[in-house]
Structure formats: C-alpha cells, structure tokens
Amino acid sequence: MEVFEGDARNILCEVVDKHHASLLVVGSHGHGAIKRAVIGSVSDYCAHHAHCSVMIVKKPKIKL
C-alpha cells in the first residue's frame, strides 16, 4: 500500500505513469456544470491528462 499527499489530480496521473497502469477508475460526485467549472473535477482532469484509459463511475440514482 502507498499513501500520497497533494492534489488528487496530479497524484493520480503521476501514479498511473509510475505503475504503467492501463486503466484508471475514478468516481464522480455528479456536480453540475457550473460547480465543476468553478472547483474543477478530478475525474475530468484525469480523463484529459492520464496516459491510460479512464473509467468514470457515477453514483447510481436512487429510485423511490
């Protein structure tokens, strides 16, 4: 197990390179476009900067 400190966006992309990963799986909080534009999105950043395929898993919708 490894523990890293820092900005999650950069750390995830660095670890992908370090371990020569072929797939990175990240979760999505499901924030709207405005909030995502203001604070940024780790999953969006990784999708554009990671040197491997990125799977973004969304939180399932709760049906009542």
C-alpha atoms as a PDB file:
ATOM      1  CA  MET A   1       0.000   0.000   0.000  1.00  0.00           C
ATOM      2  CA  GLU A   2       1.175   3.513  -0.776  1.00  0.00           C
ATOM      3  CA  VAL A   3      -0.051   6.822   0.612  1.00  0.00           C
ATOM      4  CA  PHE A   4       0.408  10.099  -1.225  1.00  0.00           C
ATOM      5  CA  GLU A   5      -0.221  13.716  -0.284  1.00  0.00           C
ATOM      6  CA  GLY A   6      -1.076  16.516  -2.661  1.00  0.00           C
ATOM      7  CA  ASP A   7      -3.570  17.473  -5.305  1.00  0.00           C
ATOM      8  CA  ALA A   8      -5.514  14.329  -6.239  1.00  0.00           C
ATOM      9  CA  ARG A   9      -5.487  15.244  -9.939  1.00  0.00           C
ATOM     10  CA  ASN A  10      -1.720  15.350 -10.170  1.00  0.00           C
ATOM     11  CA  ILE A  11      -1.101  12.425  -7.837  1.00  0.00           C
ATOM     12  CA  LEU A  12      -3.426  10.095  -9.758  1.00  0.00           C
ATOM     13  CA  CYS A  13      -1.812  10.937 -13.089  1.00  0.00           C
ATOM     14  CA  GLU A  14       1.696  10.501 -11.613  1.00  0.00           C
ATOM     15  CA  VAL A  15       0.807   7.111 -10.097  1.00  0.00           C
ATOM     16  CA  VAL A  16      -0.651   5.959 -13.424  1.00  0.00           C
ATOM     17  CA  ASP A  17       2.703   6.706 -15.050  1.00  0.00           C
ATOM     18  CA  LYS A  18       4.735   5.225 -12.184  1.00  0.00           C
ATOM     19  CA  HIS A  19       2.895   1.888 -12.291  1.00  0.00           C
ATOM     20  CA  HIS A  20       2.359   1.838 -16.085  1.00  0.00           C
ATOM     21  CA  ALA A  21      -1.371   1.394 -15.491  1.00  0.00           C
ATOM     22  CA  SER A  22      -3.608   0.590 -18.437  1.00  0.00           C
ATOM     23  CA  LEU A  23      -6.834   1.710 -16.710  1.00  0.00           C
ATOM     24  CA  LEU A  24      -7.696   4.300 -14.053  1.00  0.00           C
ATOM     25  CA  VAL A  25     -11.108   4.024 -12.380  1.00  0.00           C
ATOM     26  CA  VAL A  26     -12.375   7.153 -10.608  1.00  0.00           C
ATOM     27  CA  GLY A  27     -15.699   8.135  -9.108  1.00  0.00           C
ATOM     28  CA  SER A  28     -17.845  11.120  -9.959  1.00  0.00           C
ATOM     29  CA  HIS A  29     -19.719  13.231  -7.407  1.00  0.00           C
ATOM     30  CA  GLY A  30     -22.203  14.289 -10.071  1.00  0.00           C
ATOM     31  CA  HIS A  31     -21.760  18.036  -9.580  1.00  0.00           C
ATOM     32  CA  GLY A  32     -23.395  20.278 -12.137  1.00  0.00           C
ATOM     33  CA  ALA A  33     -21.517  22.013 -14.932  1.00  0.00           C
ATOM     34  CA  ILE A  34     -21.219  25.361 -13.097  1.00  0.00           C
ATOM     35  CA  LYS A  35     -19.791  23.898  -9.893  1.00  0.00           C
ATOM     36  CA  ARG A  36     -17.475  21.641 -11.901  1.00  0.00           C
ATOM     37  CA  ALA A  37     -16.226  24.684 -13.862  1.00  0.00           C
ATOM     38  CA  VAL A  38     -15.537  26.643 -10.664  1.00  0.00           C
ATOM     39  CA  ILE A  39     -13.872  23.970  -8.496  1.00  0.00           C
ATOM     40  CA  GLY A  40     -12.771  21.610 -11.239  1.00  0.00           C
ATOM     41  CA  SER A  41     -13.276  17.885 -11.443  1.00  0.00           C
ATOM     42  CA  VAL A  42     -10.664  15.274 -10.594  1.00  0.00           C
ATOM     43  CA  SER A  43     -12.296  12.767 -12.938  1.00  0.00           C
ATOM     44  CA  ASP A  44     -12.439  15.287 -15.801  1.00  0.00           C
ATOM     45  CA  TYR A  45      -8.801  16.256 -15.281  1.00  0.00           C
ATOM     46  CA  CYS A  46      -7.697  12.617 -15.255  1.00  0.00           C
ATOM     47  CA  ALA A  47      -9.745  11.847 -18.369  1.00  0.00           C
ATOM     48  CA  HIS A  48      -7.784  14.532 -20.224  1.00  0.00           C
ATOM     49  CA  HIS A  49      -4.316  14.105 -18.702  1.00  0.00           C
ATOM     50  CA  ALA A  50      -3.800  10.469 -17.648  1.00  0.00           C
ATOM     51  CA  HIS A  51      -1.716   8.380 -20.049  1.00  0.00           C
ATOM     52  CA  CYS A  52      -4.159   5.471 -19.948  1.00  0.00           C
ATOM     53  CA  SER A  53      -7.858   4.780 -20.337  1.00  0.00           C
ATOM     54  CA  VAL A  54     -10.049   6.345 -17.651  1.00  0.00           C
ATOM     55  CA  MET A  55     -13.365   4.904 -16.464  1.00  0.00           C
ATOM     56  CA  ILE A  56     -15.580   7.386 -14.607  1.00  0.00           C
ATOM     57  CA  VAL A  57     -18.127   5.667 -12.381  1.00  0.00           C
ATOM     58  CA  LYS A  58     -21.178   7.699 -11.451  1.00  0.00           C
ATOM     59  CA  LYS A  59     -23.182   7.325  -8.271  1.00  0.00           C
ATOM     60  CA  PRO A  60     -26.361   5.341  -9.020  1.00  0.00           C
ATOM     61  CA  LYS A  61     -29.658   7.198  -8.895  1.00  0.00           C
ATOM     62  CA  ILE A  62     -31.901   6.199  -6.014  1.00  0.00           C
ATOM     63  CA  LYS A  63     -35.371   5.165  -7.127  1.00  0.00           C
ATOM     64  CA  LEU A  64     -38.149   5.580  -4.595  1.00  0.00           C
END
